[in-house]
C-alpha cells in the first residue's frame, strides 16, 4: 500500500466513524438512552427498564466482539483495553469519581455531547471543563498525581488480564476458545435478561439496545480490521490508522473530548490530525442535533443559578479526571471495554455505577435538607 492509498483509507475510516457516531447520537437523542437515567430510575422508582436497555446494548456488544475475534476480523490482544496489567485501583477510584461527577453534571460524557446537540449550553461548559481536566490527567498536572498514586497499585500478570484468560487458566481451555465461550454466554445472558423484562420489547428500547451495541461492534470492526495496516509504507511497521492510542478503538467520550479540544486549539499545527475519537465527538453532537431539530425538541437551555453552575463545574472536573484514571466512561468502559471482557473494565463499570448511586443519594440528601 502506497502513501496515496493510505491517505485515502484514512479518510474513508474517518467518514465511516463520523457516520456511525452520528447514528449513535441520533439514537441516544431519540430514545433517551442514558446510564445515569437508568441508575436514577432504579434508585428513585425501582424501575429497571432503562438498565435493561443498557444491558441489552452490552450483550450485543459482547456478542459482536466475540464474533469478530472468532472470525479473525479483530485481534483481541491489539485493542485499547488489552493489557497484562490489572489497574484495579485506578479503575475503582476513577470510576467512582466519574460516576459521582456525571450526576452533578447531569449526564456522562456521551450524554453531554447529546445535550449539546439539543441546545444545552450547560453541557457545552461541561464539555470544555471536562476536556481540560481529562487532558491534564492524560499529560498534565493531574497526570503526574495519577501516575504517582493509583496507577502504581496494580497486578501484573504473565497473560492478558481478562475474564476469558481467567476461565482458560481455571479449566485448561485454549484462551481464544474460552474468551469466545464466555463472551457468548455473558452476551446471551444479558440479552435474555433484558428481553424478558415486563413491557420491555417496544421500538425505542430495542432500537437503543440493539442499535447502540451494534454500533460499538461496527466501530471495533472499522478500527481493528479495516483500519489495520500490516506494513506502513514509511515505517514498515503494523499500524492502526486514525487512532490516538495506536491500537484498535471503539467509542469512548472522555479522552477523545480532550483530543478534540487539543486539535481545535492547535489547529494550525500539522502534527495535530483528526482521529476516530475526535470525529466521533463531532458525530455525536451532529446526530443529536439532527434528531432534535427533526423532532422539534431543540431548545436553548442555560444554568439555573450559582449552585447549578458550581455542581456542573465540579462534576465536569470529576468526570475528566476520573474518566482518564478509569480509562473510560459509561460508553468507553461500560460498553466498549466490557465487551472485551477486560478485568479493569468490569471494575471501572462497577465503580461508575457505585459512584452514580452515591451521587444520587447525595442529591436526594441535599434536597431533603432544603425542604
Protein backbone atom coordinates (compact mmCIF):
# COMPACT_ATOMS: atom_id res chain seq x y z
CA UNK A 1 0.00 0.00 0.00
CA UNK A 2 1.46 3.37 -1.03
CA UNK A 3 1.02 6.72 0.74
CA UNK A 4 -1.82 7.87 -1.52
CA UNK A 5 -3.80 4.69 -0.85
CA UNK A 6 -3.08 5.00 2.87
CA UNK A 7 -4.38 8.57 2.96
CA UNK A 8 -7.48 7.54 1.05
CA UNK A 9 -8.15 4.71 3.51
CA UNK A 10 -7.62 7.07 6.44
CA UNK A 11 -10.19 9.47 5.00
CA UNK A 12 -12.68 6.66 4.45
CA UNK A 13 -12.21 5.49 8.03
CA UNK A 14 -12.93 8.95 9.38
CA UNK A 15 -16.07 9.38 7.29
CA UNK A 16 -17.32 5.95 8.37
CA UNK A 17 -16.61 6.74 12.04
CA UNK A 18 -18.44 10.04 11.66
CA UNK A 19 -21.45 8.25 10.22
CA UNK A 20 -21.53 5.63 12.98
CA UNK A 21 -21.13 8.18 15.78
CA UNK A 22 -23.75 10.41 14.16
CA UNK A 23 -26.14 7.45 14.22
CA UNK A 24 -25.16 6.83 17.84
CA UNK A 25 -26.03 10.42 18.79
CA UNK A 26 -29.29 10.22 16.82
CA UNK A 27 -30.35 7.04 18.64
CA UNK A 28 -29.41 8.35 22.10
CA UNK A 29 -31.32 11.59 21.49
CA UNK A 30 -34.36 9.77 20.11
CA UNK A 31 -34.59 7.01 22.73
CA UNK A 32 -33.26 8.89 25.79
CA UNK A 33 -30.63 6.19 26.31
CA UNK A 34 -28.80 7.27 29.46
CA UNK A 35 -26.74 5.39 32.02
CA UNK A 36 -27.29 7.97 34.74
CA UNK A 37 -31.00 7.93 33.97
CA UNK A 38 -31.02 4.14 34.25
CA UNK A 39 -29.39 4.27 37.69
CA UNK A 40 -31.69 7.11 38.76
CA UNK A 41 -34.79 5.13 37.75
CA UNK A 42 -33.68 2.24 39.96
CA UNK A 43 -32.74 4.40 42.97
CA UNK A 44 -35.81 6.63 42.89
CA UNK A 45 -38.53 4.34 41.48
CA UNK A 46 -37.22 0.80 41.44
CA UNK A 47 -37.70 0.76 37.65
CA UNK A 48 -35.12 -1.39 35.82
CA UNK A 49 -36.34 -0.77 32.26
CA UNK A 50 -33.60 1.63 31.17
CA UNK A 51 -30.99 -0.53 32.87
CA UNK A 52 -32.25 -3.47 30.82
CA UNK A 53 -31.76 -1.35 27.68
CA UNK A 54 -28.17 -0.73 28.73
CA UNK A 55 -27.76 -4.45 29.49
CA UNK A 56 -29.07 -5.28 26.02
CA UNK A 57 -26.51 -2.92 24.47
CA UNK A 58 -23.69 -4.54 26.46
CA UNK A 59 -24.89 -8.01 25.48
CA UNK A 60 -24.97 -7.15 21.77
CA UNK A 61 -21.51 -5.55 22.02
CA UNK A 62 -20.12 -8.66 23.78
CA UNK A 63 -21.55 -10.96 21.14
CA UNK A 64 -20.23 -8.69 18.40
CA UNK A 65 -16.71 -8.55 19.82
CA UNK A 66 -16.65 -12.31 20.36
CA UNK A 67 -17.84 -12.87 16.80
CA UNK A 68 -15.26 -10.52 15.31
CA UNK A 69 -12.36 -12.13 17.16
CA UNK A 70 -13.57 -15.66 16.39
CA UNK A 71 -13.83 -14.79 12.69
CA UNK A 72 -10.30 -13.36 12.68
CA UNK A 73 -11.56 -9.86 11.92
CA UNK A 74 -10.12 -8.38 15.12
CA UNK A 75 -7.09 -9.20 17.24
CA UNK A 76 -8.18 -9.25 20.87
CA UNK A 77 -4.65 -8.55 22.12
CA UNK A 78 -4.38 -5.39 19.99
CA UNK A 79 -7.37 -3.47 21.33
CA UNK A 80 -7.09 -0.46 23.63
CA UNK A 81 -8.16 -2.38 26.74
CA UNK A 82 -5.85 -5.38 26.21
CA UNK A 83 -3.15 -5.43 28.86
CA UNK A 84 -1.36 -7.78 31.21
CA UNK A 85 -1.68 -5.09 33.88
CA UNK A 86 -4.80 -5.08 36.04
CA UNK A 87 -5.03 -1.44 37.22
CA UNK A 88 -7.81 -2.13 39.68
CA UNK A 89 -7.25 0.89 41.97
CA UNK A 90 -7.19 3.37 39.08
CA UNK A 91 -10.40 1.84 37.75
CA UNK A 92 -12.01 1.87 41.20
CA UNK A 93 -11.11 5.42 42.21
CA UNK A 94 -11.53 6.85 38.73
CA UNK A 95 -14.83 5.07 38.21
CA UNK A 96 -16.30 6.36 41.48
CA UNK A 97 -15.18 9.89 40.62
CA UNK A 98 -16.69 9.65 37.15
CA UNK A 99 -19.98 8.19 38.39
CA UNK A 100 -20.40 10.83 41.09
CA UNK A 101 -19.38 13.57 38.67
CA UNK A 102 -21.84 12.59 35.97
CA UNK A 103 -24.70 13.03 38.45
CA UNK A 104 -23.53 16.55 39.33
CA UNK A 105 -23.04 17.37 35.63
CA UNK A 106 -26.45 16.00 34.57
CA UNK A 107 -25.03 13.20 32.44
CA UNK A 108 -21.94 11.28 31.35
CA UNK A 109 -19.59 12.21 28.51
CA UNK A 110 -21.83 10.86 25.74
CA UNK A 111 -24.93 12.45 27.26
CA UNK A 112 -23.08 15.76 27.48
CA UNK A 113 -22.44 15.67 23.73
CA UNK A 114 -26.04 14.69 23.01
CA UNK A 115 -27.33 17.53 25.18
CA UNK A 116 -25.08 20.00 23.35
CA UNK A 117 -26.72 18.88 20.12
CA UNK A 118 -30.14 19.66 21.54
CA UNK A 119 -29.19 23.21 22.60
CA UNK A 120 -27.99 22.75 26.17
CA UNK A 121 -25.40 25.44 26.94
CA UNK A 122 -24.70 23.94 30.36
CA UNK A 123 -23.39 20.84 28.64
CA UNK A 124 -21.18 22.98 26.41
CA UNK A 125 -19.49 24.33 29.55
CA UNK A 126 -19.20 20.78 30.93
CA UNK A 127 -17.63 19.69 27.62
CA UNK A 128 -14.89 22.33 27.84
CA UNK A 129 -14.12 21.82 31.53
CA UNK A 130 -14.19 18.03 31.25
CA UNK A 131 -11.88 18.22 28.23
CA UNK A 132 -9.36 20.39 30.07
CA UNK A 133 -9.49 18.16 33.16
CA UNK A 134 -9.09 14.99 31.11
CA UNK A 135 -6.16 16.39 29.12
CA UNK A 136 -4.47 17.45 32.37
CA UNK A 137 -4.94 13.87 33.61
CA UNK A 138 -3.51 12.47 30.38
CA UNK A 139 -0.42 14.69 30.19
CA UNK A 140 -0.57 17.48 32.77
CA UNK A 141 -0.56 18.16 36.48
CA UNK A 142 -3.13 15.56 37.46
CA UNK A 143 -1.36 13.04 35.22
CA UNK A 144 1.68 13.32 37.49
CA UNK A 145 -0.57 12.74 40.51
CA UNK A 146 -2.30 9.80 38.82
CA UNK A 147 0.95 8.07 37.86
CA UNK A 148 2.42 8.63 41.33
CA UNK A 149 -0.59 7.25 43.20
CA UNK A 150 -3.35 4.97 41.89
CA UNK A 151 -1.51 3.74 38.79
CA UNK A 152 1.23 2.29 40.99
CA UNK A 153 -1.20 -0.15 42.58
CA UNK A 154 -1.83 -2.97 40.12
CA UNK A 155 -1.42 -6.67 39.46
CA UNK A 156 0.96 -7.60 36.65
CA UNK A 157 0.07 -10.91 35.03
CA UNK A 158 2.05 -13.01 32.59
CA UNK A 159 -1.06 -13.20 30.40
CA UNK A 160 -3.86 -10.77 29.43
CA UNK A 161 -5.96 -9.54 32.36
CA UNK A 162 -9.31 -10.69 31.01
CA UNK A 163 -12.15 -12.91 32.17
CA UNK A 164 -11.53 -15.12 29.15
CA UNK A 165 -7.92 -15.73 30.18
CA UNK A 166 -9.04 -16.38 33.75
CA UNK A 167 -11.50 -19.01 32.54
CA UNK A 168 -8.85 -20.56 30.30
CA UNK A 169 -6.46 -20.90 33.23
CA UNK A 170 -9.18 -22.26 35.51
CA UNK A 171 -10.43 -25.05 33.23
CA UNK A 172 -7.46 -25.60 30.93
CA UNK A 173 -9.04 -24.29 27.72
CA UNK A 174 -7.39 -22.51 24.82
CA UNK A 175 -7.66 -18.77 25.65
CA UNK A 176 -9.40 -17.91 22.37
CA UNK A 177 -11.99 -20.64 22.89
CA UNK A 178 -12.54 -19.60 26.50
CA UNK A 179 -12.99 -15.95 25.50
CA UNK A 180 -15.47 -16.89 22.78
CA UNK A 181 -17.44 -19.18 25.10
CA UNK A 182 -17.58 -16.61 27.90
CA UNK A 183 -18.44 -13.77 25.52
CA UNK A 184 -21.30 -15.77 24.07
CA UNK A 185 -22.52 -16.91 27.48
CA UNK A 186 -22.49 -13.45 29.07
CA UNK A 187 -23.79 -11.73 25.94
CA UNK A 188 -26.70 -14.12 25.50
CA UNK A 189 -27.41 -13.98 29.23
CA UNK A 190 -27.73 -10.21 29.10
CA UNK A 191 -29.96 -10.42 26.02
CA UNK A 192 -32.30 -12.86 27.75
CA UNK A 193 -32.37 -10.77 30.94
CA UNK A 194 -33.19 -7.61 29.01
CA UNK A 195 -35.74 -9.01 26.59
CA UNK A 196 -37.71 -10.91 29.23
CA UNK A 197 -38.38 -7.74 31.22
CA UNK A 198 -42.03 -6.82 31.62
CA UNK A 199 -43.23 -4.45 28.87
CA UNK A 200 -39.63 -4.11 27.64
CA UNK A 201 -39.99 -5.03 23.98
CA UNK A 202 -41.01 -1.74 22.40
CA UNK A 203 -39.46 0.00 19.41
CA UNK A 204 -37.41 2.57 21.35
CA UNK A 205 -35.92 0.06 23.79
CA UNK A 206 -34.96 -2.34 21.02
CA UNK A 207 -33.55 0.43 18.86
CA UNK A 208 -31.43 1.75 21.72
CA UNK A 209 -30.15 -1.59 23.00
CA UNK A 210 -29.56 -3.39 19.71
CA UNK A 211 -28.58 -0.27 17.75
CA UNK A 212 -26.00 1.01 20.23
CA UNK A 213 -24.50 -2.44 20.80
CA UNK A 214 -24.23 -2.92 17.04
CA UNK A 215 -22.52 0.46 16.60
CA UNK A 216 -19.93 -0.44 19.25
CA UNK A 217 -19.28 -3.66 17.32
CA UNK A 218 -19.08 -1.82 14.00
CA UNK A 219 -16.53 0.60 15.45
CA UNK A 220 -14.38 -2.33 16.61
CA UNK A 221 -14.51 -3.78 13.09
CA UNK A 222 -13.80 -0.42 11.47
CA UNK A 223 -10.84 0.45 13.68
CA UNK A 224 -9.42 -3.02 14.26
CA UNK A 225 -9.91 -4.61 10.84
CA UNK A 226 -10.47 -2.03 8.11
CA UNK A 227 -8.06 0.42 9.75
CA UNK A 228 -5.33 -2.15 10.35
CA UNK A 229 -2.33 -1.88 8.02
CA UNK A 230 0.16 -4.72 8.42
CA UNK A 231 3.03 -2.70 6.99
CA UNK A 232 3.09 1.09 6.88
CA UNK A 233 4.89 2.20 3.68
CA UNK A 234 7.15 4.62 5.61
CA UNK A 235 7.85 2.84 8.90
CA UNK A 236 7.30 -0.77 7.67
CA UNK A 237 5.51 -1.42 10.97
CA UNK A 238 1.96 -2.58 11.66
CA UNK A 239 -0.37 0.33 12.44
CA UNK A 240 -3.99 1.07 13.30
CA UNK A 241 -4.92 4.15 11.31
CA UNK A 242 -6.58 7.25 12.77
CA UNK A 243 -6.39 6.25 16.43
CA UNK A 244 -4.93 8.25 19.30
CA UNK A 245 -3.72 5.15 21.15
CA UNK A 246 -2.16 3.31 18.21
CA UNK A 247 -4.44 0.37 19.00
CA UNK A 248 -7.89 -0.74 17.88
CA UNK A 249 -10.52 1.51 19.48
CA UNK A 250 -14.27 1.67 19.75
CA UNK A 251 -16.34 4.56 21.10
CA UNK A 252 -15.38 6.44 24.26
CA UNK A 253 -16.06 10.02 25.31
CA UNK A 254 -13.54 11.30 27.86
CA UNK A 255 -10.04 11.27 26.37
CA UNK A 256 -11.47 11.94 22.87
CA UNK A 257 -13.04 15.14 24.23
CA UNK A 258 -9.57 16.21 25.38
CA UNK A 259 -8.06 15.37 22.00
CA UNK A 260 -10.84 17.34 20.30
CA UNK A 261 -10.02 20.45 22.32
CA UNK A 262 -6.32 19.92 21.62
CA UNK A 263 -7.00 19.69 17.88
CA UNK A 264 -9.14 22.84 17.92
CA UNK A 265 -6.64 24.87 19.95
CA UNK A 266 -3.61 23.79 17.89
CA UNK A 267 -5.42 23.55 14.56
CA UNK A 268 -2.57 25.12 12.57
CA UNK A 269 -0.08 22.56 13.93
CA UNK A 270 0.14 19.97 11.16
CA UNK A 271 1.07 17.27 13.67
CA UNK A 272 -2.45 17.52 15.12
CA UNK A 273 -4.62 15.29 12.94
CA UNK A 274 -8.22 14.17 13.15
CA UNK A 275 -8.68 10.72 14.65
CA UNK A 276 -11.60 8.36 15.05
CA UNK A 277 -12.05 9.61 18.63
CA UNK A 278 -12.16 13.26 17.57
CA UNK A 279 -14.52 12.72 14.65
CA UNK A 280 -16.78 10.62 16.90
CA UNK A 281 -17.21 13.57 19.25
CA UNK A 282 -18.30 15.72 16.30
CA UNK A 283 -20.57 12.95 15.03
CA UNK A 284 -22.33 12.56 18.38
CA UNK A 285 -23.24 16.24 18.52
CA UNK A 286 -24.31 16.26 14.87
CA UNK A 287 -26.54 13.19 15.17
CA UNK A 288 -28.20 14.54 18.28
CA UNK A 289 -28.78 17.93 16.65
CA UNK A 290 -30.36 16.33 13.59
CA UNK A 291 -32.79 14.34 15.74
CA UNK A 292 -33.57 17.33 17.99
CA UNK A 293 -34.30 19.55 15.00
CA UNK A 294 -36.34 16.89 13.22
CA UNK A 295 -38.45 16.22 16.31
CA UNK A 296 -38.69 19.94 17.18
CA UNK A 297 -37.18 19.31 20.63
CA UNK A 298 -34.20 21.62 20.14
CA UNK A 299 -34.26 24.16 22.99
CA UNK A 300 -31.65 26.59 24.31
CA UNK A 301 -31.01 25.93 28.00
CA UNK A 302 -28.68 27.64 30.47
CA UNK A 303 -27.71 27.44 34.13
CA UNK A 304 -30.38 27.97 36.76
CA UNK A 305 -28.10 29.81 39.16
CA UNK A 306 -24.79 29.81 41.00
CA UNK A 307 -25.34 26.47 42.70
CA UNK A 308 -26.33 24.82 39.43
CA UNK A 309 -23.19 26.22 37.79
CA UNK A 310 -20.95 25.03 40.63
CA UNK A 311 -22.40 21.50 40.52
CA UNK A 312 -21.79 21.21 36.79
CA UNK A 313 -18.23 22.55 37.05
CA UNK A 314 -17.31 20.15 39.85
CA UNK A 315 -19.00 17.29 38.02
CA UNK A 316 -17.10 18.08 34.82
CA UNK A 317 -13.75 18.04 36.64
CA UNK A 318 -14.58 14.75 38.35
CA UNK A 319 -15.58 13.19 35.03
CA UNK A 320 -12.44 14.43 33.28
CA UNK A 321 -10.03 13.24 35.96
CA UNK A 322 -11.94 10.08 36.85
CA UNK A 323 -12.63 9.07 33.27
CA UNK A 324 -8.96 9.13 32.32
CA UNK A 325 -7.90 7.33 35.51
CA UNK A 326 -10.50 4.63 34.86
CA UNK A 327 -9.57 4.50 31.13
CA UNK A 328 -13.08 5.32 30.01
CA UNK A 329 -16.63 6.39 30.70
CA UNK A 330 -20.02 4.67 30.67
CA UNK A 331 -19.51 4.07 26.94
CA UNK A 332 -15.73 3.65 26.89
CA UNK A 333 -15.57 1.15 29.74
CA UNK A 334 -19.26 0.30 30.23
CA UNK A 335 -19.77 -0.79 26.60
CA UNK A 336 -16.53 -0.87 24.60
CA UNK A 337 -14.24 -2.06 27.41
CA UNK A 338 -16.61 -4.59 28.95
CA UNK A 339 -17.26 -6.12 25.52
CA UNK A 340 -13.58 -7.23 25.51
CA UNK A 341 -14.02 -8.95 28.92
CA UNK A 342 -11.21 -6.84 30.42
CA UNK A 343 -10.96 -7.19 34.20
CA UNK A 344 -10.14 -3.49 34.53
CA UNK A 345 -13.28 -2.62 32.56
CA UNK A 346 -15.54 -4.60 34.87
CA UNK A 347 -14.07 -2.90 37.94
CA UNK A 348 -14.44 0.52 36.27
CA UNK A 349 -18.06 -0.21 35.34
CA UNK A 350 -18.95 -1.34 38.87
CA UNK A 351 -17.23 1.74 40.32
CA UNK A 352 -19.05 4.09 37.93
CA UNK A 353 -22.39 2.61 38.96
CA UNK A 354 -21.45 2.87 42.64
CA UNK A 355 -20.35 6.48 42.18
CA UNK A 356 -23.61 7.30 40.41
CA UNK A 357 -25.66 5.78 43.23
CA UNK A 358 -23.61 7.80 45.73
CA UNK A 359 -24.15 10.96 43.70
CA UNK A 360 -27.90 10.42 43.52
CA UNK A 361 -28.10 9.74 47.26
CA UNK A 362 -26.15 12.92 47.86
CA UNK A 363 -28.53 14.92 45.67
CA UNK A 364 -31.54 13.45 47.49
CA UNK A 365 -29.96 14.28 50.87
CA UNK A 366 -29.36 17.88 49.82
CA UNK A 367 -32.90 18.18 48.53
CA UNK A 368 -34.34 16.88 51.81
CA UNK A 369 -32.23 19.33 53.82
CA UNK A 370 -33.53 22.25 51.76
CA UNK A 371 -37.18 21.42 52.49
